[in-house]
Amino acid sequence: MIMLRYVLDTDVVVAALRSPTGASAALLNAADQGVVQLLASVPLAIEYEAQCTSAKHWAEADLTEEQASIFVDPVINLVEPVETYFLWRPQLHDPGDEMVLEAAINGRADAIVTFNQNDYGESGKLFEIDVIKPSKAIMRTRV
């Protein structure tokens, strides 16, 4: 069986923090079970940590800052590190999304998983990387 390789946009990791029963959390569980391989560059992993430990997110999840840190550390441990050999900037309207796209390209991802598909425009097609929502990503693991 070929393991799917996904780069999670930060919004997906935050959604898993906020909703442990949703599709985003199911993707993390799938990675923990070895069904999918998550990919991220160092800047993207730092972004995961910064957003998950941001007061607005951990408070919304009814967690403490310490609990949010406890959540994000294993997420980062699930990730296969991606070295950025080539910068592909600028490709997108939002510079914050560039590191997600670069991790996907350099890591040879099958898909970028995000709630904001429109942010990636035609770049996914250009680099032959699907841009999909968490619900579709988790469905692909069950085929």
Protein backbone atom coordinates (compact mmCIF):
# COMPACT_ATOMS: atom_id res chain seq x y z
CA MET A 1 0.00 0.00 0.00
CA ILE A 2 1.34 3.42 -0.96
CA MET A 3 1.27 5.87 1.92
CA LEU A 4 -0.29 9.25 1.14
CA ARG A 5 1.95 12.25 1.78
CA TYR A 6 0.19 15.36 3.06
CA VAL A 7 1.23 18.85 4.04
CA LEU A 8 -1.28 20.32 6.47
CA ASP A 9 -1.97 24.01 6.30
CA THR A 10 -1.86 25.58 9.75
CA ASP A 11 -5.64 26.01 9.76
CA VAL A 12 -6.01 22.21 9.74
CA VAL A 13 -3.72 21.73 12.74
CA VAL A 14 -5.58 24.47 14.65
CA ALA A 15 -8.90 22.81 13.74
CA ALA A 16 -7.62 19.53 15.20
CA LEU A 17 -6.72 21.38 18.40
CA ARG A 18 -10.17 22.94 18.60
CA SER A 19 -12.21 19.90 17.54
CA PRO A 20 -10.74 16.53 18.54
CA THR A 21 -13.57 14.63 16.81
CA GLY A 22 -13.36 16.33 13.41
CA ALA A 23 -11.69 15.36 10.14
CA SER A 24 -8.56 17.36 10.97
CA ALA A 25 -8.02 15.39 14.18
CA ALA A 26 -8.75 12.18 12.26
CA LEU A 27 -5.87 13.04 9.91
CA LEU A 28 -3.52 13.36 12.88
CA ASN A 29 -4.73 9.98 14.14
CA ALA A 30 -4.17 8.50 10.67
CA ALA A 31 -0.61 9.83 10.72
CA ASP A 32 -0.08 8.41 14.20
CA GLN A 33 -1.28 5.01 12.92
CA GLY A 34 1.06 5.16 9.91
CA VAL A 35 -1.71 5.49 7.34
CA VAL A 36 -0.52 8.88 6.06
CA GLN A 37 2.80 10.69 6.21
CA LEU A 38 2.69 14.32 7.25
CA LEU A 39 5.35 16.64 5.85
CA ALA A 40 6.52 20.05 7.04
CA SER A 41 9.49 22.34 6.81
CA VAL A 42 11.01 23.92 9.92
CA PRO A 43 9.25 27.28 9.29
CA LEU A 44 5.90 25.50 8.90
CA ALA A 45 6.41 23.49 12.12
CA ILE A 46 7.23 26.73 13.94
CA GLU A 47 4.01 28.22 12.54
CA TYR A 48 2.04 25.22 13.86
CA GLU A 49 3.49 25.79 17.31
CA ALA A 50 2.96 29.55 17.26
CA GLN A 51 -0.67 29.26 16.23
CA CYS A 52 -1.60 26.37 18.53
CA THR A 53 -0.08 28.12 21.53
CA SER A 54 -1.73 31.42 20.64
CA ALA A 55 -4.15 32.42 23.40
CA LYS A 56 -7.07 32.83 21.01
CA HIS A 57 -6.82 29.22 19.83
CA TRP A 58 -6.14 27.39 23.08
CA ALA A 59 -8.80 29.41 24.88
CA GLU A 60 -11.34 28.61 22.13
CA ALA A 61 -10.44 24.93 22.54
CA ASP A 62 -11.02 25.29 26.30
CA LEU A 63 -7.40 24.36 26.99
CA THR A 64 -4.55 25.91 28.92
CA GLU A 65 -1.42 27.11 27.19
CA GLU A 66 0.43 24.13 28.66
CA GLN A 67 -2.17 21.72 27.25
CA ALA A 68 -1.87 23.37 23.83
CA SER A 69 1.91 22.85 23.96
CA ILE A 70 1.35 19.23 24.94
CA PHE A 71 -0.92 18.90 21.88
CA VAL A 72 1.44 20.44 19.33
CA ASP A 73 4.67 18.65 20.28
CA PRO A 74 3.46 15.17 19.19
CA VAL A 75 2.00 16.69 16.01
CA ILE A 76 5.43 18.01 15.09
CA ASN A 77 6.95 14.62 15.99
CA LEU A 78 4.63 12.97 13.42
CA VAL A 79 6.06 15.14 10.65
CA GLU A 80 8.70 14.05 8.17
CA PRO A 81 11.03 17.04 7.94
CA VAL A 82 11.24 18.63 4.52
CA GLU A 83 14.35 20.49 3.51
CA THR A 84 13.68 23.42 1.25
CA TYR A 85 16.12 23.07 -1.60
CA PHE A 86 14.29 25.48 -3.87
CA LEU A 87 12.18 28.51 -3.06
CA TRP A 88 9.29 28.86 -5.46
CA ARG A 89 8.21 32.33 -4.40
CA PRO A 90 6.20 34.20 -5.35
CA GLN A 91 3.41 31.86 -6.41
CA LEU A 92 0.54 32.89 -4.14
CA HIS A 93 -1.29 36.04 -3.09
CA ASP A 94 -0.69 35.41 0.62
CA PRO A 95 3.02 35.19 1.51
CA GLY A 96 2.04 33.14 4.58
CA ASP A 97 0.90 30.28 2.34
CA GLU A 98 4.18 30.14 0.42
CA MET A 99 5.88 27.97 3.07
CA VAL A 100 3.05 25.43 2.83
CA LEU A 101 3.37 25.22 -0.95
CA GLU A 102 7.18 25.01 -0.75
CA ALA A 103 7.00 22.18 1.80
CA ALA A 104 4.59 20.33 -0.50
CA ILE A 105 6.77 20.78 -3.58
CA ASN A 106 10.07 19.95 -1.89
CA GLY A 107 8.54 17.05 0.05
CA ARG A 108 6.82 15.56 -3.01
CA ALA A 109 3.43 15.70 -1.31
CA ASP A 110 0.33 14.15 -2.78
CA ALA A 111 -1.78 16.99 -1.42
CA ILE A 112 -1.96 20.18 0.59
CA VAL A 113 -4.76 19.83 3.10
CA THR A 114 -6.46 23.12 3.89
CA PHE A 115 -9.80 24.75 4.51
CA ASN A 116 -8.73 27.60 2.23
CA GLN A 117 -8.41 25.92 -1.14
CA ASN A 118 -8.82 29.18 -3.02
CA ASP A 119 -5.66 30.55 -1.39
CA TYR A 120 -3.61 28.18 -3.54
CA GLY A 121 -5.22 29.09 -6.85
CA GLU A 122 -3.78 27.15 -9.76
CA SER A 123 -0.43 26.50 -8.04
CA GLY A 124 -1.44 23.02 -6.97
CA LYS A 125 -2.21 22.06 -10.56
CA LEU A 126 0.99 23.67 -11.78
CA PHE A 127 3.04 21.48 -9.44
CA GLU A 128 0.72 18.44 -9.68
CA ILE A 129 -0.26 18.63 -6.02
CA ASP A 130 -3.90 18.31 -5.02
CA VAL A 131 -5.33 21.00 -2.74
CA ILE A 132 -8.08 19.40 -0.68
CA LYS A 133 -10.13 19.82 2.47
CA PRO A 134 -9.56 17.61 5.52
CA SER A 135 -12.79 15.68 4.91
CA LYS A 136 -11.59 14.63 1.44
CA ALA A 137 -8.10 13.87 2.73
CA ILE A 138 -9.41 11.52 5.40
CA MET A 139 -11.75 9.86 2.87
CA ARG A 140 -8.73 9.07 0.69
CA THR A 141 -7.17 7.14 3.58
CA ARG A 142 -10.21 4.87 3.77
CA VAL A 143 -10.25 3.76 0.14
